[in-house]
Amino acid sequence: MLLRSTLIYGAATFFTRISALLLLVIATHLVNQTEYGLLTLVVTVGELTDSAVTNWLRITLLRLGGIDQVSKGSVALAARVLVITTLLSLVVSSAASALAVPERWSDFALAVGAYLVVGAISRFALTLLQMQRHNAAYSMLELLRAVLQLVLPVAAIGIFGGSFLVMSLGSSLGVLIAGLLALSFALGRTVPGPARFAHRELFALGVPLVAMALFGFGLNNAERIFLKMFYDASAVAIFAAAYALARQPIDMIANAINMGAFPELVDRFDKQGPSAAADFLSSLLALMLRLSLPAAALLVALNGDIVRLVLPADYHGRVDQLFLFIAIGVICANLMAFVYGSVVLSHKRPWLLVVPNGIGSASTIALSFLLIPPLAEVGAALAFAGGSAVGLAVSILIANRLTPVPVPWRDLAVSAAIAGSCGIVAALTSNALADMSALVRLAIGGGAGGLVFLALNSAFHLKATLALAGRLGQRFKAV
């Protein structure tokens, strides 16, 4: 079941991440570093505000709103709360914009405000689709969003010029179109009935998540804010480009796994108990590491080729230095949120999440003030990795006090060995082709590493590989 839902949601996640990477490549070639840096700051301030004011509603709905049959009363109650929190987020983001980019406050506040409004609509609609288990519709609408978020900003640059505001509004328009279609689809499939929860229950679970986001400020791309404070938007552009390139493939894997896993987890916890949920999370942890570690190893091994292929020359020699630290930070953050954080949410004790997020955030902020002034973008990457690792360690301690998640040590060791082998083969292959173009080196090096991954993964997980091959063979015979 876990692998099936991962593949379904993986398609949606894949297209949105690829769209973001393509936009990165195009934007860095069409606009200067300052404009691209400001664009990434729009996303940063938008995400920081959204996570604190509106994002909590998704988790509370998935935890309280039921699966399959979603009542009109639940939707109406949640929608009213969403409108109020979104209006609050606009006030918060306006103040944050004045602090982050005072020299271009009006344009920046407009871009962030649009980002928040359309994001709230889209997330609400997609959450309803998750609750209704309309997985195929979810994937198709996310594919549409991915296409629109690539096409519309590029078209806007061609028509109105290459400012961060133009690109941001073009991207927001794409999210709005896809979000409205998703909302129409989801609302048409709700069932009559009262809300399954009251305002009190919603806020009892949601307020701690808001507090967690506030205390976790340092873990949510705050390094970009500090880079802007100590340097300028160009430094932000360097860090953001590295973060996008090193994060997206790893995040794509983790998010695809979690999209289908979280609703299933809470369903098992409620019906079968904590022990069954812990076993499920152990399998999730194994799968996440099995796929994430080799992806991270390939990114680190081929970072120079990736940067030379997709980014302009003024990014070279700086972006590739950050891949290792960002990959470590992303993996730690994903394990913290999707594995050990899920234990706390299953027990409906979200206040406990404030502790790892607060300690991890404080660590990131402290490291940022210590490392960014002398090391610039490298210091930001180190601060991100250090804060994420601290947050993960604390979240493990807290989750184990509630329901210990069995650590699949054998799977972890095997995954680490496979990842190391993939990275070494890819790096050696790329270095052996030093006289070739970056595209050729990346293609052959990545292909060699990928083949090693498939071969070793099949050898270490022979039974699962044969079972999957058997199911695929039956499908082909049926066709």
Protein backbone atom coordinates (compact mmCIF):
# COMPACT_ATOMS: atom_id res chain seq x y z
CA MET A 1 0.00 0.00 0.00
CA LEU A 2 2.78 2.43 1.01
CA LEU A 3 4.68 1.96 -2.25
CA ARG A 4 1.44 2.24 -4.28
CA SER A 5 0.42 5.56 -2.70
CA THR A 6 3.98 6.81 -3.08
CA LEU A 7 3.89 6.11 -6.81
CA ILE A 8 0.49 7.83 -7.19
CA TYR A 9 1.48 10.97 -5.31
CA GLY A 10 5.00 10.73 -6.69
CA ALA A 11 3.74 11.63 -10.14
CA ALA A 12 2.16 14.83 -8.85
CA THR A 13 5.17 15.72 -6.74
CA PHE A 14 7.56 14.93 -9.59
CA PHE A 15 5.93 17.32 -12.02
CA THR A 16 5.67 20.19 -9.53
CA ARG A 17 9.33 19.80 -8.53
CA ILE A 18 10.49 19.53 -12.12
CA SER A 19 8.48 22.65 -12.92
CA ALA A 20 10.19 24.50 -10.06
CA LEU A 21 13.63 23.38 -11.26
CA LEU A 22 12.90 24.40 -14.85
CA LEU A 23 11.71 27.80 -13.65
CA LEU A 24 14.94 28.13 -11.67
CA VAL A 25 17.00 27.45 -14.79
CA ILE A 26 14.99 29.86 -16.95
CA ALA A 27 14.70 32.62 -14.36
CA THR A 28 18.42 32.66 -13.52
CA HIS A 29 19.18 33.15 -17.21
CA LEU A 30 16.52 35.81 -17.84
CA VAL A 31 16.88 38.01 -14.75
CA ASN A 32 19.83 39.19 -12.68
CA GLN A 33 20.79 37.76 -9.30
CA THR A 34 19.12 40.57 -7.38
CA GLU A 35 15.69 39.98 -8.97
CA TYR A 36 15.98 36.22 -8.58
CA GLY A 37 17.05 36.67 -4.97
CA LEU A 38 14.00 38.84 -4.30
CA LEU A 39 11.77 36.23 -5.93
CA THR A 40 13.09 33.58 -3.55
CA LEU A 41 12.55 35.94 -0.64
CA VAL A 42 8.89 36.26 -1.66
CA VAL A 43 8.59 32.49 -1.33
CA THR A 44 10.52 32.54 1.95
CA VAL A 45 8.38 35.21 3.62
CA GLY A 46 5.25 33.60 2.15
CA GLU A 47 6.16 30.16 3.48
CA LEU A 48 7.14 31.50 6.90
CA THR A 49 3.86 33.38 7.24
CA ASP A 50 1.78 30.59 5.74
CA SER A 51 3.24 27.90 7.98
CA ALA A 52 2.44 29.98 11.05
CA VAL A 53 -1.04 31.20 10.11
CA THR A 54 -2.77 28.93 7.57
CA ASN A 55 -0.83 25.69 6.92
CA TRP A 56 -1.94 24.13 10.20
CA LEU A 57 -5.45 23.75 8.81
CA ARG A 58 -4.35 20.99 6.42
CA ILE A 59 -3.05 18.78 9.23
CA THR A 60 -6.05 19.39 11.47
CA LEU A 61 -8.48 18.57 8.68
CA LEU A 62 -6.68 15.34 7.82
CA ARG A 63 -6.65 14.39 11.50
CA LEU A 64 -10.23 15.37 12.40
CA GLY A 65 -12.27 15.59 9.20
CA GLY A 66 -12.57 11.92 8.35
CA ILE A 67 -11.57 9.86 5.32
CA ASP A 68 -13.59 9.13 2.18
CA GLN A 69 -16.90 10.74 3.25
CA VAL A 70 -16.25 14.45 3.87
CA SER A 71 -19.31 16.34 5.12
CA LYS A 72 -20.41 19.75 3.90
CA GLY A 73 -20.53 20.95 7.49
CA SER A 74 -16.84 20.12 8.03
CA VAL A 75 -15.91 21.93 4.83
CA ALA A 76 -17.96 25.02 5.71
CA LEU A 77 -16.49 25.27 9.21
CA ALA A 78 -12.94 24.88 7.94
CA ALA A 79 -13.53 27.39 5.13
CA ARG A 80 -14.67 30.07 7.59
CA VAL A 81 -11.56 29.56 9.66
CA LEU A 82 -9.40 29.64 6.53
CA VAL A 83 -10.78 33.02 5.45
CA ILE A 84 -10.03 34.56 8.84
CA THR A 85 -6.53 33.11 9.10
CA THR A 86 -5.69 34.13 5.54
CA LEU A 87 -6.69 37.72 6.27
CA LEU A 88 -4.49 37.59 9.36
CA SER A 89 -1.63 36.24 7.27
CA LEU A 90 -1.88 39.23 4.93
CA VAL A 91 -1.42 41.61 7.86
CA VAL A 92 1.54 39.61 9.18
CA SER A 93 3.17 39.33 5.76
CA SER A 94 2.82 43.06 5.14
CA ALA A 95 4.80 43.81 8.29
CA ALA A 96 7.34 41.10 7.48
CA SER A 97 7.79 42.53 3.97
CA ALA A 98 8.66 45.95 5.40
CA LEU A 99 11.40 44.35 7.49
CA ALA A 100 12.74 42.01 4.80
CA VAL A 101 12.79 44.34 1.75
CA PRO A 102 12.16 47.92 2.89
CA GLU A 103 13.59 49.36 -0.31
CA ARG A 104 10.87 47.73 -2.45
CA TRP A 105 8.19 47.16 0.14
CA SER A 106 5.02 47.76 -1.91
CA ASP A 107 5.95 45.37 -4.74
CA PHE A 108 7.21 42.79 -2.28
CA ALA A 109 4.09 42.95 -0.09
CA LEU A 110 1.85 42.58 -3.15
CA ALA A 111 3.76 39.52 -4.34
CA VAL A 112 3.68 37.87 -0.91
CA GLY A 113 -0.02 38.67 -0.43
CA ALA A 114 -0.95 37.07 -3.74
CA TYR A 115 1.21 34.05 -2.87
CA LEU A 116 -0.64 33.58 0.43
CA VAL A 117 -4.18 33.96 -0.94
CA VAL A 118 -3.82 31.57 -3.87
CA GLY A 119 -1.81 29.14 -1.76
CA ALA A 120 -4.60 28.96 0.83
CA ILE A 121 -7.19 28.18 -1.84
CA SER A 122 -5.03 25.55 -3.49
CA ARG A 123 -4.02 23.80 -0.27
CA PHE A 124 -7.58 23.70 1.01
CA ALA A 125 -8.82 22.11 -2.21
CA LEU A 126 -6.02 19.56 -2.35
CA THR A 127 -6.54 18.63 1.30
CA LEU A 128 -10.19 17.88 0.56
CA LEU A 129 -9.11 15.65 -2.34
CA GLN A 130 -6.71 13.81 -0.02
CA MET A 131 -9.46 13.30 2.54
CA GLN A 132 -11.77 11.99 -0.20
CA ARG A 133 -8.95 9.81 -1.55
CA HIS A 134 -9.35 11.15 -5.06
CA ASN A 135 -5.70 10.39 -5.74
CA ALA A 136 -5.88 10.47 -9.53
CA ALA A 137 -7.65 13.84 -9.55
CA TYR A 138 -5.09 15.18 -7.09
CA SER A 139 -2.23 14.12 -9.38
CA MET A 140 -3.83 15.54 -12.52
CA LEU A 141 -4.56 18.92 -10.93
CA GLU A 142 -1.04 19.13 -9.51
CA LEU A 143 0.27 18.38 -13.00
CA LEU A 144 -1.82 21.26 -14.32
CA ARG A 145 -0.44 23.54 -11.60
CA ALA A 146 3.10 22.52 -12.48
CA VAL A 147 2.59 23.40 -16.13
CA LEU A 148 0.93 26.74 -15.37
CA GLN A 149 3.56 27.72 -12.81
CA LEU A 150 6.22 27.24 -15.45
CA VAL A 151 4.47 28.72 -18.48
CA LEU A 152 2.80 31.78 -16.95
CA PRO A 153 5.87 33.32 -15.20
CA VAL A 154 7.98 32.86 -18.33
CA ALA A 155 5.24 34.41 -20.47
CA ALA A 156 4.94 37.27 -17.99
CA ILE A 157 8.67 37.96 -18.26
CA GLY A 158 8.37 38.13 -22.04
CA ILE A 159 5.41 40.51 -21.91
CA PHE A 160 6.06 42.72 -18.88
CA GLY A 161 9.80 42.40 -18.25
CA GLY A 162 11.97 40.49 -15.83
CA SER A 163 11.15 41.77 -12.36
CA PHE A 164 10.53 39.55 -9.36
CA LEU A 165 6.98 40.94 -9.04
CA VAL A 166 6.07 39.92 -12.59
CA MET A 167 7.42 36.40 -12.10
CA SER A 168 5.75 35.99 -8.72
CA LEU A 169 2.32 37.15 -9.91
CA GLY A 170 2.56 34.90 -12.96
CA SER A 171 3.29 31.93 -10.71
CA SER A 172 0.44 32.86 -8.35
CA LEU A 173 -1.99 33.02 -11.28
CA GLY A 174 -1.08 29.44 -12.19
CA VAL A 175 -1.71 28.28 -8.61
CA LEU A 176 -5.04 30.10 -8.54
CA ILE A 177 -6.35 28.51 -11.75
CA ALA A 178 -5.43 24.99 -10.68
CA GLY A 179 -6.68 25.60 -7.13
CA LEU A 180 -10.10 26.80 -8.24
CA LEU A 181 -10.53 23.75 -10.48
CA ALA A 182 -9.49 21.46 -7.64
CA LEU A 183 -11.87 23.20 -5.24
CA SER A 184 -14.76 22.85 -7.68
CA PHE A 185 -14.05 19.14 -8.09
CA ALA A 186 -13.72 18.49 -4.34
CA LEU A 187 -16.80 20.48 -3.30
CA GLY A 188 -18.92 18.62 -5.82
CA ARG A 189 -18.09 15.36 -4.04
CA THR A 190 -18.80 16.31 -0.45
CA VAL A 191 -21.73 14.65 1.33
CA PRO A 192 -24.53 16.28 3.35
CA GLY A 193 -24.06 16.36 7.08
CA PRO A 194 -22.84 18.40 10.03
CA ALA A 195 -19.22 19.08 10.86
CA ARG A 196 -17.39 16.15 12.43
CA PHE A 197 -15.58 18.52 14.76
CA ALA A 198 -16.21 21.77 16.57
CA HIS A 199 -14.22 25.00 16.52
CA ARG A 200 -12.81 24.02 19.90
CA GLU A 201 -11.41 20.72 18.60
CA LEU A 202 -10.03 22.39 15.49
CA PHE A 203 -8.17 25.04 17.47
CA ALA A 204 -7.10 22.60 20.18
CA LEU A 205 -5.12 20.74 17.54
CA GLY A 206 -4.29 23.76 15.40
CA VAL A 207 -3.05 26.32 17.92
CA PRO A 208 -0.07 24.16 18.94
CA LEU A 209 0.82 23.81 15.25
CA VAL A 210 0.79 27.60 14.93
CA ALA A 211 3.03 27.86 17.98
CA MET A 212 5.29 25.18 16.51
CA ALA A 213 5.63 27.20 13.29
CA LEU A 214 6.40 30.40 15.20
CA PHE A 215 9.00 28.72 17.37
CA GLY A 216 10.32 26.92 14.29
CA PHE A 217 11.00 30.16 12.43
CA GLY A 218 14.69 29.31 12.06
CA LEU A 219 13.98 25.97 10.38
CA ASN A 220 11.86 27.44 7.57
CA ASN A 221 14.34 29.07 5.19
CA ALA A 222 15.19 31.84 7.64
CA GLU A 223 18.81 31.63 6.47
CA ARG A 224 17.76 33.68 3.44
CA ILE A 225 16.53 36.48 5.69
CA PHE A 226 19.87 36.55 7.52
CA LEU A 227 21.79 36.49 4.23
CA LYS A 228 19.82 39.53 3.12
CA MET A 229 20.57 41.23 6.44
CA PHE A 230 24.33 40.55 6.36
CA TYR A 231 24.89 40.68 2.58
CA ASP A 232 22.38 41.36 -0.24
CA ALA A 233 19.82 39.74 -2.54
CA SER A 234 22.60 38.30 -4.73
CA ALA A 235 23.85 36.17 -1.82
CA VAL A 236 20.27 35.02 -1.30
CA ALA A 237 20.12 34.01 -4.97
CA ILE A 238 23.24 31.83 -4.62
CA PHE A 239 21.91 30.04 -1.55
CA ALA A 240 18.40 29.69 -3.00
CA ALA A 241 19.69 28.19 -6.25
CA ALA A 242 21.74 25.61 -4.35
CA TYR A 243 18.85 24.92 -2.01
CA ALA A 244 16.44 24.32 -4.88
CA LEU A 245 18.81 22.05 -6.81
CA ALA A 246 19.89 19.99 -3.80
CA ARG A 247 16.51 19.91 -2.07
CA GLN A 248 13.98 19.24 -4.81
CA PRO A 249 14.84 15.61 -5.69
CA ILE A 250 15.07 14.58 -2.03
CA ASP A 251 11.97 16.50 -1.03
CA MET A 252 10.07 15.07 -3.98
CA ILE A 253 10.68 11.55 -2.67
CA ALA A 254 9.78 12.35 0.94
CA ASN A 255 6.65 14.30 0.08
CA ALA A 256 5.43 11.61 -2.30
CA ILE A 257 5.77 9.03 0.47
CA ASN A 258 4.13 11.22 3.10
CA MET A 259 1.15 12.34 0.99
CA GLY A 260 -0.35 8.88 1.01
CA ALA A 261 1.23 7.70 4.25
CA PHE A 262 -0.12 10.25 6.73
CA PRO A 263 -3.85 9.60 6.18
CA GLU A 264 -3.14 5.86 6.30
CA LEU A 265 -1.08 6.27 9.47
CA VAL A 266 -3.78 8.06 11.46
CA ASP A 267 -6.36 5.56 10.21
CA ARG A 268 -4.23 2.65 11.49
CA PHE A 269 -3.52 4.43 14.76
CA ASP A 270 -7.23 4.95 15.43
CA LYS A 271 -8.36 1.48 14.36
CA GLN A 272 -5.41 -0.81 15.24
CA GLY A 273 -3.54 1.11 17.89
CA PRO A 274 -0.07 2.63 18.44
CA SER A 275 1.82 -0.61 17.83
CA ALA A 276 0.45 -1.00 14.30
CA ALA A 277 1.16 2.68 13.62
CA ALA A 278 4.76 2.26 14.85
CA ASP A 279 5.33 -0.70 12.52
CA PHE A 280 3.91 1.32 9.65
CA LEU A 281 6.23 4.25 10.44
CA SER A 282 9.19 1.87 10.59
CA SER A 283 8.40 0.76 7.04
CA LEU A 284 7.96 4.39 6.01
CA LEU A 285 11.34 5.29 7.53
CA ALA A 286 13.03 2.44 5.70
CA LEU A 287 11.47 3.40 2.36
CA MET A 288 12.30 7.08 2.82
CA LEU A 289 15.98 6.35 3.54
CA ARG A 290 16.18 3.73 0.80
CA LEU A 291 15.19 6.31 -1.81
CA SER A 292 16.49 9.57 -0.29
CA LEU A 293 20.07 8.59 0.55
CA PRO A 294 21.03 7.44 -2.98
CA ALA A 295 19.40 10.55 -4.44
CA ALA A 296 21.44 12.73 -2.08
CA ALA A 297 24.63 10.85 -2.92
CA LEU A 298 24.14 11.39 -6.66
CA LEU A 299 23.42 15.08 -6.16
CA VAL A 300 26.59 15.58 -4.13
CA ALA A 301 28.73 13.50 -6.49
CA LEU A 302 27.57 15.36 -9.60
CA ASN A 303 27.05 18.85 -8.12
CA GLY A 304 29.63 20.55 -10.34
CA ASP A 305 28.12 19.11 -13.52
CA ILE A 306 24.61 20.05 -12.42
CA VAL A 307 25.56 23.66 -11.71
CA ARG A 308 27.52 24.09 -14.93
CA LEU A 309 24.67 22.65 -16.96
CA VAL A 310 21.71 24.61 -15.56
CA LEU A 311 23.00 27.89 -14.10
CA PRO A 312 24.71 30.97 -15.57
CA ALA A 313 28.46 31.41 -15.14
CA ASP A 314 28.18 33.86 -12.22
CA TYR A 315 26.67 31.07 -10.10
CA HIS A 316 29.50 28.60 -10.81
CA GLY A 317 31.99 27.76 -8.09
CA ARG A 318 29.68 28.93 -5.31
CA VAL A 319 26.43 26.99 -5.62
CA ASP A 320 28.06 23.55 -5.86
CA GLN A 321 29.86 24.02 -2.52
CA LEU A 322 26.54 23.89 -0.67
CA PHE A 323 25.00 20.64 -1.92
CA LEU A 324 26.30 18.32 0.83
CA PHE A 325 25.16 20.47 3.75
CA ILE A 326 21.76 21.18 2.21
CA ALA A 327 21.16 17.49 1.42
CA ILE A 328 21.93 16.55 5.04
CA GLY A 329 19.60 19.25 6.32
CA VAL A 330 16.75 18.26 4.02
CA ILE A 331 16.91 14.58 4.98
CA CYS A 332 16.96 15.45 8.69
CA ALA A 333 14.04 17.85 8.28
CA ASN A 334 11.98 15.28 6.38
CA LEU A 335 12.56 12.54 8.96
CA MET A 336 11.70 14.99 11.73
CA ALA A 337 8.42 16.05 10.12
CA PHE A 338 7.18 12.95 8.35
CA VAL A 339 8.26 10.16 10.70
CA TYR A 340 8.74 11.35 14.27
CA GLY A 341 6.44 14.35 14.01
CA SER A 342 3.70 12.02 12.79
CA VAL A 343 3.93 10.06 16.05
CA VAL A 344 3.10 13.20 18.02
CA LEU A 345 0.23 14.12 15.68
CA SER A 346 -1.20 10.61 15.89
CA HIS A 347 -1.38 10.98 19.67
CA LYS A 348 -3.06 14.39 19.21
CA ARG A 349 -0.38 16.08 21.29
CA PRO A 350 0.86 18.73 18.87
CA TRP A 351 2.14 20.99 21.65
CA LEU A 352 5.09 18.63 21.94
CA LEU A 353 6.17 19.58 18.41
CA VAL A 354 6.98 23.06 19.68
CA VAL A 355 9.98 21.64 21.55
CA PRO A 356 12.02 20.12 18.67
CA ASN A 357 11.04 22.95 16.35
CA GLY A 358 11.92 25.58 18.92
CA ILE A 359 15.27 24.02 19.83
CA GLY A 360 16.13 23.35 16.17
CA SER A 361 15.13 26.88 15.23
CA ALA A 362 17.20 28.41 18.03
CA SER A 363 20.17 26.33 16.88
CA THR A 364 19.77 27.49 13.28
CA ILE A 365 19.48 31.15 14.28
CA ALA A 366 22.50 30.92 16.57
CA LEU A 367 24.54 29.18 13.88
CA SER A 368 23.39 31.75 11.32
CA PHE A 369 24.68 34.66 13.40
CA LEU A 370 27.90 32.75 14.03
CA LEU A 371 28.60 31.39 10.52
CA ILE A 372 26.93 33.63 7.93
CA PRO A 373 29.01 36.79 8.52
CA PRO A 374 32.36 35.05 7.83
CA LEU A 375 31.20 32.29 5.45
CA ALA A 376 28.21 33.83 3.61
CA GLU A 377 26.27 31.15 1.68
CA VAL A 378 28.37 28.28 3.09
CA GLY A 379 27.56 29.51 6.58
CA ALA A 380 23.87 29.56 5.75
CA ALA A 381 24.00 25.97 4.48
CA LEU A 382 25.87 24.84 7.60
CA ALA A 383 23.36 26.62 9.83
CA PHE A 384 20.48 24.89 8.04
CA ALA A 385 22.08 21.44 8.35
CA GLY A 386 23.00 21.95 12.00
CA GLY A 387 19.60 23.23 13.06
CA SER A 388 17.79 20.43 11.21
CA ALA A 389 19.99 17.77 12.81
CA VAL A 390 19.36 19.17 16.30
CA GLY A 391 15.61 19.30 15.65
CA LEU A 392 15.61 15.69 14.44
CA ALA A 393 17.50 14.48 17.53
CA VAL A 394 15.03 16.17 19.88
CA SER A 395 12.00 14.91 17.92
CA ILE A 396 13.29 11.32 18.16
CA LEU A 397 13.58 11.61 21.93
CA ILE A 398 10.04 12.96 22.25
CA ALA A 399 8.44 10.46 19.84
CA ASN A 400 10.09 7.54 21.61
CA ARG A 401 8.46 8.61 24.87
CA LEU A 402 5.05 8.24 23.22
CA THR A 403 5.36 5.33 20.80
CA PRO A 404 8.86 4.11 19.92
CA VAL A 405 9.36 3.63 16.19
CA PRO A 406 11.47 0.53 15.53
CA VAL A 407 14.56 1.64 13.65
CA PRO A 408 15.20 -0.61 10.64
CA TRP A 409 18.94 -0.75 11.26
CA ARG A 410 19.60 -3.32 8.53
CA ASP A 411 17.69 -1.26 5.97
CA LEU A 412 19.51 1.86 7.11
CA ALA A 413 22.93 0.23 6.75
CA VAL A 414 22.04 -1.24 3.36
CA SER A 415 20.68 2.10 2.14
CA ALA A 416 23.83 3.90 3.28
CA ALA A 417 26.02 1.34 1.50
CA ILE A 418 23.98 1.61 -1.70
CA ALA A 419 24.06 5.40 -1.54
CA GLY A 420 27.82 5.45 -1.03
CA SER A 421 28.33 3.08 -3.96
CA CYS A 422 26.08 5.15 -6.23
CA GLY A 423 27.92 8.35 -5.35
CA ILE A 424 31.39 6.89 -5.81
CA VAL A 425 30.56 5.33 -9.18
CA ALA A 426 28.89 8.51 -10.41
CA ALA A 427 31.81 10.72 -9.32
CA LEU A 428 34.45 8.42 -10.80
CA THR A 429 32.54 8.18 -14.07
CA SER A 430 32.11 11.94 -14.31
CA ASN A 431 35.80 12.58 -13.53
CA ALA A 432 36.84 10.07 -16.17
CA LEU A 433 34.97 12.15 -18.74
CA ALA A 434 36.60 15.44 -17.74
CA ASP A 435 37.07 16.56 -21.35
CA MET A 436 33.39 16.12 -22.22
CA SER A 437 30.56 18.61 -21.78
CA ALA A 438 28.66 18.91 -18.49
CA LEU A 439 25.57 17.38 -20.09
CA VAL A 440 27.45 14.25 -21.21
CA ARG A 441 29.19 13.89 -17.86
CA LEU A 442 25.95 14.30 -15.98
CA ALA A 443 24.03 11.89 -18.18
CA ILE A 444 26.65 9.14 -18.13
CA GLY A 445 27.67 9.67 -14.52
CA GLY A 446 24.06 9.79 -13.33
CA GLY A 447 23.19 6.79 -15.47
CA ALA A 448 26.07 4.76 -14.03
CA GLY A 449 25.07 5.68 -10.49
CA GLY A 450 21.44 4.87 -11.24
CA LEU A 451 22.32 1.44 -12.59
CA VAL A 452 24.33 0.71 -9.46
CA PHE A 453 21.32 1.72 -7.37
CA LEU A 454 18.96 -0.56 -9.29
CA ALA A 455 21.37 -3.50 -9.22
CA LEU A 456 22.24 -3.27 -5.53
CA ASN A 457 18.69 -2.50 -4.48
CA SER A 458 17.44 -5.53 -6.39
CA ALA A 459 20.13 -7.72 -4.86
CA PHE A 460 19.49 -6.64 -1.27
CA HIS A 461 15.70 -6.67 -1.65
CA LEU A 462 15.35 -9.64 -3.99
CA LYS A 463 11.97 -10.84 -2.71
CA ALA A 464 10.32 -7.44 -3.11
CA THR A 465 11.92 -7.00 -6.54
CA LEU A 466 10.63 -10.38 -7.77
CA ALA A 467 7.16 -9.64 -6.42
CA LEU A 468 7.07 -6.28 -8.18
CA ALA A 469 8.36 -7.83 -11.41
CA GLY A 470 5.66 -10.49 -11.16
CA ARG A 471 2.89 -7.92 -10.78
CA LEU A 472 4.23 -5.92 -13.71
CA GLY A 473 4.39 -9.06 -15.81
CA GLN A 474 0.77 -9.87 -15.04
CA ARG A 475 -0.26 -6.37 -16.02
CA PHE A 476 1.49 -6.67 -19.38
CA LYS A 477 -0.11 -10.06 -20.00
CA ALA A 478 -3.52 -8.61 -19.24
CA VAL A 479 -2.92 -5.85 -21.79
